Amino acid sequence: MSGELKSCPFCGDQNKLVATCTDEVTALVLNNWVSCENCDAEGPIKKSRADAIAAWNTRAGEKA
């Protein structure tokens, strides 16, 4: 699976980042999601970075 992110489905911008939420005590990554730096759209929260990227790259009406 590629880690390449598609453009934002809402504004078309290419500036995105994969955000993470970590536990303050253990420093373990709890959640991952993709966020558009232009319009602040966010993809679904997933447990793994790869799943967050896959969810962001999924578009309605596209064949897998």
PDB file of N, CA and C in Angstrom:
ATOM      1  N   MET A   1       0.831  -1.173   0.000  1.00  0.00           N
ATOM      2  CA  MET A   1       0.000   0.000   0.000  1.00  0.00           C
ATOM      3  C   MET A   1       0.877   1.238   0.000  1.00  0.00           C
ATOM      4  N   SER A   2       0.523   2.187  -0.776  1.00  0.00           N
ATOM      5  CA  SER A   2       1.289   3.426  -0.885  1.00  0.00           C
ATOM      6  C   SER A   2       0.884   4.389   0.223  1.00  0.00           C
ATOM      7  N   GLY A   3       1.857   5.161   0.702  1.00  0.00           N
ATOM      8  CA  GLY A   3       1.576   6.165   1.713  1.00  0.00           C
ATOM      9  C   GLY A   3       1.243   7.504   1.100  1.00  0.00           C
ATOM     10  N   GLU A   4       1.085   7.537  -0.239  1.00  0.00           N
ATOM     11  CA  GLU A   4       0.799   8.796  -0.929  1.00  0.00           C
ATOM     12  C   GLU A   4      -0.641   9.219  -0.680  1.00  0.00           C
ATOM     13  N   LEU A   5      -0.818  10.493  -0.364  1.00  0.00           N
ATOM     14  CA  LEU A   5      -2.151  11.019  -0.077  1.00  0.00           C
ATOM     15  C   LEU A   5      -2.757  11.684  -1.303  1.00  0.00           C
ATOM     16  N   LYS A   6      -4.035  11.409  -1.540  1.00  0.00           N
ATOM     17  CA  LYS A   6      -4.764  12.105  -2.596  1.00  0.00           C
ATOM     18  C   LYS A   6      -5.050  13.532  -2.135  1.00  0.00           C
ATOM     19  N   SER A   7      -5.385  14.383  -3.094  1.00  0.00           N
ATOM     20  CA  SER A   7      -5.739  15.764  -2.753  1.00  0.00           C
ATOM     21  C   SER A   7      -7.012  15.781  -1.905  1.00  0.00           C
ATOM     22  N   CYS A   8      -7.256  16.907  -1.268  1.00  0.00           N
ATOM     23  CA  CYS A   8      -8.434  17.048  -0.415  1.00  0.00           C
ATOM     24  C   CYS A   8      -9.701  16.894  -1.260  1.00  0.00           C
ATOM     25  N   PRO A   9     -10.652  16.049  -0.833  1.00  0.00           N
ATOM     26  CA  PRO A   9     -11.882  15.867  -1.606  1.00  0.00           C
ATOM     27  C   PRO A   9     -12.819  17.072  -1.541  1.00  0.00           C
ATOM     28  N   PHE A  10     -12.552  18.011  -0.655  1.00  0.00           N
ATOM     29  CA  PHE A  10     -13.431  19.163  -0.487  1.00  0.00           C
ATOM     30  C   PHE A  10     -12.920  20.406  -1.194  1.00  0.00           C
ATOM     31  N   CYS A  11     -11.611  20.695  -1.054  1.00  0.00           N
ATOM     32  CA  CYS A  11     -11.072  21.918  -1.660  1.00  0.00           C
ATOM     33  C   CYS A  11     -10.047  21.644  -2.756  1.00  0.00           C
ATOM     34  N   GLY A  12      -9.611  20.387  -2.899  1.00  0.00           N
ATOM     35  CA  GLY A  12      -8.652  20.027  -3.935  1.00  0.00           C
ATOM     36  C   GLY A  12      -7.205  20.352  -3.602  1.00  0.00           C
ATOM     37  N   ASP A  13      -6.953  20.894  -2.430  1.00  0.00           N
ATOM     38  CA  ASP A  13      -5.601  21.292  -2.039  1.00  0.00           C
ATOM     39  C   ASP A  13      -4.703  20.073  -1.854  1.00  0.00           C
ATOM     40  N   GLN A  14      -3.412  20.256  -2.080  1.00  0.00           N
ATOM     41  CA  GLN A  14      -2.436  19.180  -1.939  1.00  0.00           C
ATOM     42  C   GLN A  14      -1.766  19.169  -0.562  1.00  0.00           C
ATOM     43  N   ASN A  15      -1.953  20.211   0.243  1.00  0.00           N
ATOM     44  CA  ASN A  15      -1.276  20.309   1.542  1.00  0.00           C
ATOM     45  C   ASN A  15      -2.071  19.586   2.616  1.00  0.00           C
ATOM     46  N   LYS A  16      -1.628  18.361   2.906  1.00  0.00           N
ATOM     47  CA  LYS A  16      -2.286  17.542   3.914  1.00  0.00           C
ATOM     48  C   LYS A  16      -1.243  17.027   4.883  1.00  0.00           C
ATOM     49  N   LEU A  17      -1.680  16.592   6.041  1.00  0.00           N
ATOM     50  CA  LEU A  17      -0.768  15.963   6.981  1.00  0.00           C
ATOM     51  C   LEU A  17      -1.477  14.821   7.674  1.00  0.00           C
ATOM     52  N   VAL A  18      -0.688  13.845   8.124  1.00  0.00           N
ATOM     53  CA  VAL A  18      -1.229  12.751   8.912  1.00  0.00           C
ATOM     54  C   VAL A  18      -0.984  13.113  10.368  1.00  0.00           C
ATOM     55  N   ALA A  19      -2.060  13.326  11.101  1.00  0.00           N
ATOM     56  CA  ALA A  19      -1.969  13.720  12.504  1.00  0.00           C
ATOM     57  C   ALA A  19      -2.082  12.489  13.394  1.00  0.00           C
ATOM     58  N   THR A  20      -1.513  12.583  14.568  1.00  0.00           N
ATOM     59  CA  THR A  20      -1.594  11.495  15.534  1.00  0.00           C
ATOM     60  C   THR A  20      -1.970  12.043  16.902  1.00  0.00           C
ATOM     61  N   CYS A  21      -2.601  11.206  17.676  1.00  0.00           N
ATOM     62  CA  CYS A  21      -2.917  11.515  19.065  1.00  0.00           C
ATOM     63  C   CYS A  21      -2.159  10.494  19.907  1.00  0.00           C
ATOM     64  N   THR A  22      -1.347  10.965  20.840  1.00  0.00           N
ATOM     65  CA  THR A  22      -0.562  10.058  21.672  1.00  0.00           C
ATOM     66  C   THR A  22      -0.969  10.166  23.137  1.00  0.00           C
ATOM     67  N   ASP A  23      -0.766   9.074  23.843  1.00  0.00           N
ATOM     68  CA  ASP A  23      -1.003   9.048  25.281  1.00  0.00           C
ATOM     69  C   ASP A  23       0.111   9.839  25.959  1.00  0.00           C
ATOM     70  N   GLU A  24      -0.238  10.784  26.816  1.00  0.00           N
ATOM     71  CA  GLU A  24       0.761  11.641  27.454  1.00  0.00           C
ATOM     72  C   GLU A  24       1.686  10.880  28.398  1.00  0.00           C
ATOM     73  N   VAL A  25       1.215   9.806  28.978  1.00  0.00           N
ATOM     74  CA  VAL A  25       2.022   9.051  29.936  1.00  0.00           C
ATOM     75  C   VAL A  25       2.919   8.037  29.232  1.00  0.00           C
ATOM     76  N   THR A  26       2.345   7.247  28.332  1.00  0.00           N
ATOM     77  CA  THR A  26       3.107   6.166  27.697  1.00  0.00           C
ATOM     78  C   THR A  26       3.712   6.562  26.363  1.00  0.00           C
ATOM     79  N   ALA A  27       3.273   7.664  25.777  1.00  0.00           N
ATOM     80  CA  ALA A  27       3.711   8.136  24.458  1.00  0.00           C
ATOM     81  C   ALA A  27       3.315   7.182  23.335  1.00  0.00           C
ATOM     82  N   LEU A  28       2.375   6.283  23.600  1.00  0.00           N
ATOM     83  CA  LEU A  28       1.879   5.388  22.560  1.00  0.00           C
ATOM     84  C   LEU A  28       0.905   6.136  21.662  1.00  0.00           C
ATOM     85  N   VAL A  29       0.977   5.845  20.362  1.00  0.00           N
ATOM     86  CA  VAL A  29       0.050   6.458  19.412  1.00  0.00           C
ATOM     87  C   VAL A  29      -1.314   5.804  19.589  1.00  0.00           C
ATOM     88  N   LEU A  30      -2.323   6.620  19.836  1.00  0.00           N
ATOM     89  CA  LEU A  30      -3.676   6.118  20.054  1.00  0.00           C
ATOM     90  C   LEU A  30      -4.520   6.174  18.791  1.00  0.00           C
ATOM     91  N   ASN A  31      -4.419   7.262  18.033  1.00  0.00           N
ATOM     92  CA  ASN A  31      -5.250   7.464  16.850  1.00  0.00           C
ATOM     93  C   ASN A  31      -4.468   8.202  15.778  1.00  0.00           C
ATOM     94  N   ASN A  32      -4.884   8.003  14.528  1.00  0.00           N
ATOM     95  CA  ASN A  32      -4.295   8.673  13.371  1.00  0.00           C
ATOM     96  C   ASN A  32      -5.413   9.175  12.477  1.00  0.00           C
ATOM     97  N   TRP A  33      -5.189  10.304  11.806  1.00  0.00           N
ATOM     98  CA  TRP A  33      -6.136  10.816  10.831  1.00  0.00           C
ATOM     99  C   TRP A  33      -5.405  11.766   9.900  1.00  0.00           C
ATOM    100  N   VAL A  34      -6.007  12.027   8.744  1.00  0.00           N
ATOM    101  CA  VAL A  34      -5.440  12.963   7.780  1.00  0.00           C
ATOM    102  C   VAL A  34      -6.225  14.261   7.874  1.00  0.00           C
ATOM    103  N   SER A  35      -5.520  15.366   7.794  1.00  0.00           N
ATOM    104  CA  SER A  35      -6.135  16.684   7.891  1.00  0.00           C
ATOM    105  C   SER A  35      -5.643  17.561   6.746  1.00  0.00           C
ATOM    106  N   CYS A  36      -6.555  18.316   6.126  1.00  0.00           N
ATOM    107  CA  CYS A  36      -6.194  19.272   5.080  1.00  0.00           C
ATOM    108  C   CYS A  36      -5.760  20.568   5.753  1.00  0.00           C
ATOM    109  N   GLU A  37      -4.586  21.061   5.398  1.00  0.00           N
ATOM    110  CA  GLU A  37      -4.083  22.291   6.003  1.00  0.00           C
ATOM    111  C   GLU A  37      -4.750  23.541   5.424  1.00  0.00           C
ATOM    112  N   ASN A  38      -5.473  23.406   4.304  1.00  0.00           N
ATOM    113  CA  ASN A  38      -6.126  24.554   3.684  1.00  0.00           C
ATOM    114  C   ASN A  38      -7.535  24.786   4.243  1.00  0.00           C
ATOM    115  N   CYS A  39      -8.379  23.742   4.222  1.00  0.00           N
ATOM    116  CA  CYS A  39      -9.780  23.924   4.628  1.00  0.00           C
ATOM    117  C   CYS A  39     -10.119  23.238   5.954  1.00  0.00           C
ATOM    118  N   ASP A  40      -9.138  22.590   6.570  1.00  0.00           N
ATOM    119  CA  ASP A  40      -9.299  21.912   7.865  1.00  0.00           C
ATOM    120  C   ASP A  40     -10.203  20.684   7.820  1.00  0.00           C
ATOM    121  N   ALA A  41     -10.472  20.149   6.625  1.00  0.00           N
ATOM    122  CA  ALA A  41     -11.221  18.895   6.537  1.00  0.00           C
ATOM    123  C   ALA A  41     -10.384  17.792   7.175  1.00  0.00           C
ATOM    124  N   GLU A  42     -11.052  16.843   7.813  1.00  0.00           N
ATOM    125  CA  GLU A  42     -10.356  15.727   8.439  1.00  0.00           C
ATOM    126  C   GLU A  42     -10.984  14.416   8.006  1.00  0.00           C
ATOM    127  N   GLY A  43     -10.132  13.428   7.804  1.00  0.00           N
ATOM    128  CA  GLY A  43     -10.591  12.087   7.489  1.00  0.00           C
ATOM    129  C   GLY A  43     -10.971  11.355   8.769  1.00  0.00           C
ATOM    130  N   PRO A  44     -11.488  10.146   8.628  1.00  0.00           N
ATOM    131  CA  PRO A  44     -11.889   9.371   9.799  1.00  0.00           C
ATOM    132  C   PRO A  44     -10.687   9.006  10.679  1.00  0.00           C
ATOM    133  N   ILE A  45     -10.934   8.870  11.955  1.00  0.00           N
ATOM    134  CA  ILE A  45      -9.895   8.468  12.904  1.00  0.00           C
ATOM    135  C   ILE A  45      -9.711   6.959  12.809  1.00  0.00           C
ATOM    136  N   LYS A  46      -8.458   6.546  12.679  1.00  0.00           N
ATOM    137  CA  LYS A  46      -8.111   5.129  12.566  1.00  0.00           C
ATOM    138  C   LYS A  46      -6.995   4.792  13.547  1.00  0.00           C
ATOM    139  N   LYS A  47      -6.838   3.520  13.840  1.00  0.00           N
ATOM    140  CA  LYS A  47      -5.797   3.083  14.777  1.00  0.00           C
ATOM    141  C   LYS A  47      -4.406   3.115  14.156  1.00  0.00           C
ATOM    142  N   SER A  48      -4.291   2.878  12.854  1.00  0.00           N
ATOM    143  CA  SER A  48      -2.967   2.871  12.224  1.00  0.00           C
ATOM    144  C   SER A  48      -2.850   3.991  11.195  1.00  0.00           C
ATOM    145  N   ARG A  49      -1.617   4.411  10.967  1.00  0.00           N
ATOM    146  CA  ARG A  49      -1.331   5.437   9.963  1.00  0.00           C
ATOM    147  C   ARG A  49      -1.777   4.960   8.579  1.00  0.00           C
ATOM    148  N   ALA A  50      -1.484   3.710   8.252  1.00  0.00           N
ATOM    149  CA  ALA A  50      -1.850   3.160   6.943  1.00  0.00           C
ATOM    150  C   ALA A  50      -3.362   3.165   6.744  1.00  0.00           C
ATOM    151  N   ASP A  51      -4.118   2.818   7.784  1.00  0.00           N
ATOM    152  CA  ASP A  51      -5.583   2.820   7.683  1.00  0.00           C
ATOM    153  C   ASP A  51      -6.129   4.240   7.541  1.00  0.00           C
ATOM    154  N   ALA A  52      -5.498   5.206   8.207  1.00  0.00           N
ATOM    155  CA  ALA A  52      -5.928   6.606   8.086  1.00  0.00           C
ATOM    156  C   ALA A  52      -5.714   7.108   6.664  1.00  0.00           C
ATOM    157  N   ILE A  53      -4.573   6.749   6.070  1.00  0.00           N
ATOM    158  CA  ILE A  53      -4.283   7.150   4.692  1.00  0.00           C
ATOM    159  C   ILE A  53      -5.249   6.476   3.726  1.00  0.00           C
ATOM    160  N   ALA A  54      -5.509   5.185   3.927  1.00  0.00           N
ATOM    161  CA  ALA A  54      -6.440   4.460   3.057  1.00  0.00           C
ATOM    162  C   ALA A  54      -7.842   5.061   3.139  1.00  0.00           C
ATOM    163  N   ALA A  55      -8.279   5.423   4.339  1.00  0.00           N
ATOM    164  CA  ALA A  55      -9.610   6.020   4.510  1.00  0.00           C
ATOM    165  C   ALA A  55      -9.685   7.374   3.811  1.00  0.00           C
ATOM    166  N   TRP A  56      -8.635   8.196   3.934  1.00  0.00           N
ATOM    167  CA  TRP A  56      -8.595   9.508   3.278  1.00  0.00           C
ATOM    168  C   TRP A  56      -8.658   9.344   1.765  1.00  0.00           C
ATOM    169  N   ASN A  57      -7.951   8.353   1.250  1.00  0.00           N
ATOM    170  CA  ASN A  57      -7.863   8.152  -0.192  1.00  0.00           C
ATOM    171  C   ASN A  57      -9.101   7.503  -0.792  1.00  0.00           C
ATOM    172  N   THR A  58     -10.035   7.023   0.033  1.00  0.00           N
ATOM    173  CA  THR A  58     -11.264   6.407  -0.451  1.00  0.00           C
ATOM    174  C   THR A  58     -12.252   7.496  -0.851  1.00  0.00           C
ATOM    175  N   ARG A  59     -12.755   7.403  -2.062  1.00  0.00           N
ATOM    176  CA  ARG A  59     -13.705   8.393  -2.579  1.00  0.00           C
ATOM    177  C   ARG A  59     -15.019   7.702  -2.942  1.00  0.00           C
ATOM    178  N   ALA A  60     -16.120   8.360  -2.654  1.00  0.00           N
ATOM    179  CA  ALA A  60     -17.439   7.821  -2.988  1.00  0.00           C
ATOM    180  C   ALA A  60     -17.541   7.613  -4.492  1.00  0.00           C
ATOM    181  N   GLY A  61     -18.065   6.477  -4.882  1.00  0.00           N
ATOM    182  CA  GLY A  61     -18.281   6.200  -6.293  1.00  0.00           C
ATOM    183  C   GLY A  61     -17.084   5.619  -7.022  1.00  0.00           C
ATOM    184  N   GLU A  62     -15.918   5.568  -6.378  1.00  0.00           N
ATOM    185  CA  GLU A  62     -14.737   4.973  -7.017  1.00  0.00           C
ATOM    186  C   GLU A  62     -14.743   3.474  -6.805  1.00  0.00           C
ATOM    187  N   LYS A  63     -14.296   2.763  -7.822  1.00  0.00           N
ATOM    188  CA  LYS A  63     -14.130   1.326  -7.675  1.00  0.00           C
ATOM    189  C   LYS A  63     -12.788   1.064  -7.009  1.00  0.00           C
ATOM    190  N   ALA A  64     -12.766   0.066  -6.141  1.00  0.00           N
ATOM    191  CA  ALA A  64     -11.525  -0.267  -5.415  1.00  0.00           C
ATOM    192  C   ALA A  64     -10.478  -0.850  -6.323  1.00  0.00           C
TER     193      ALA A  64
END
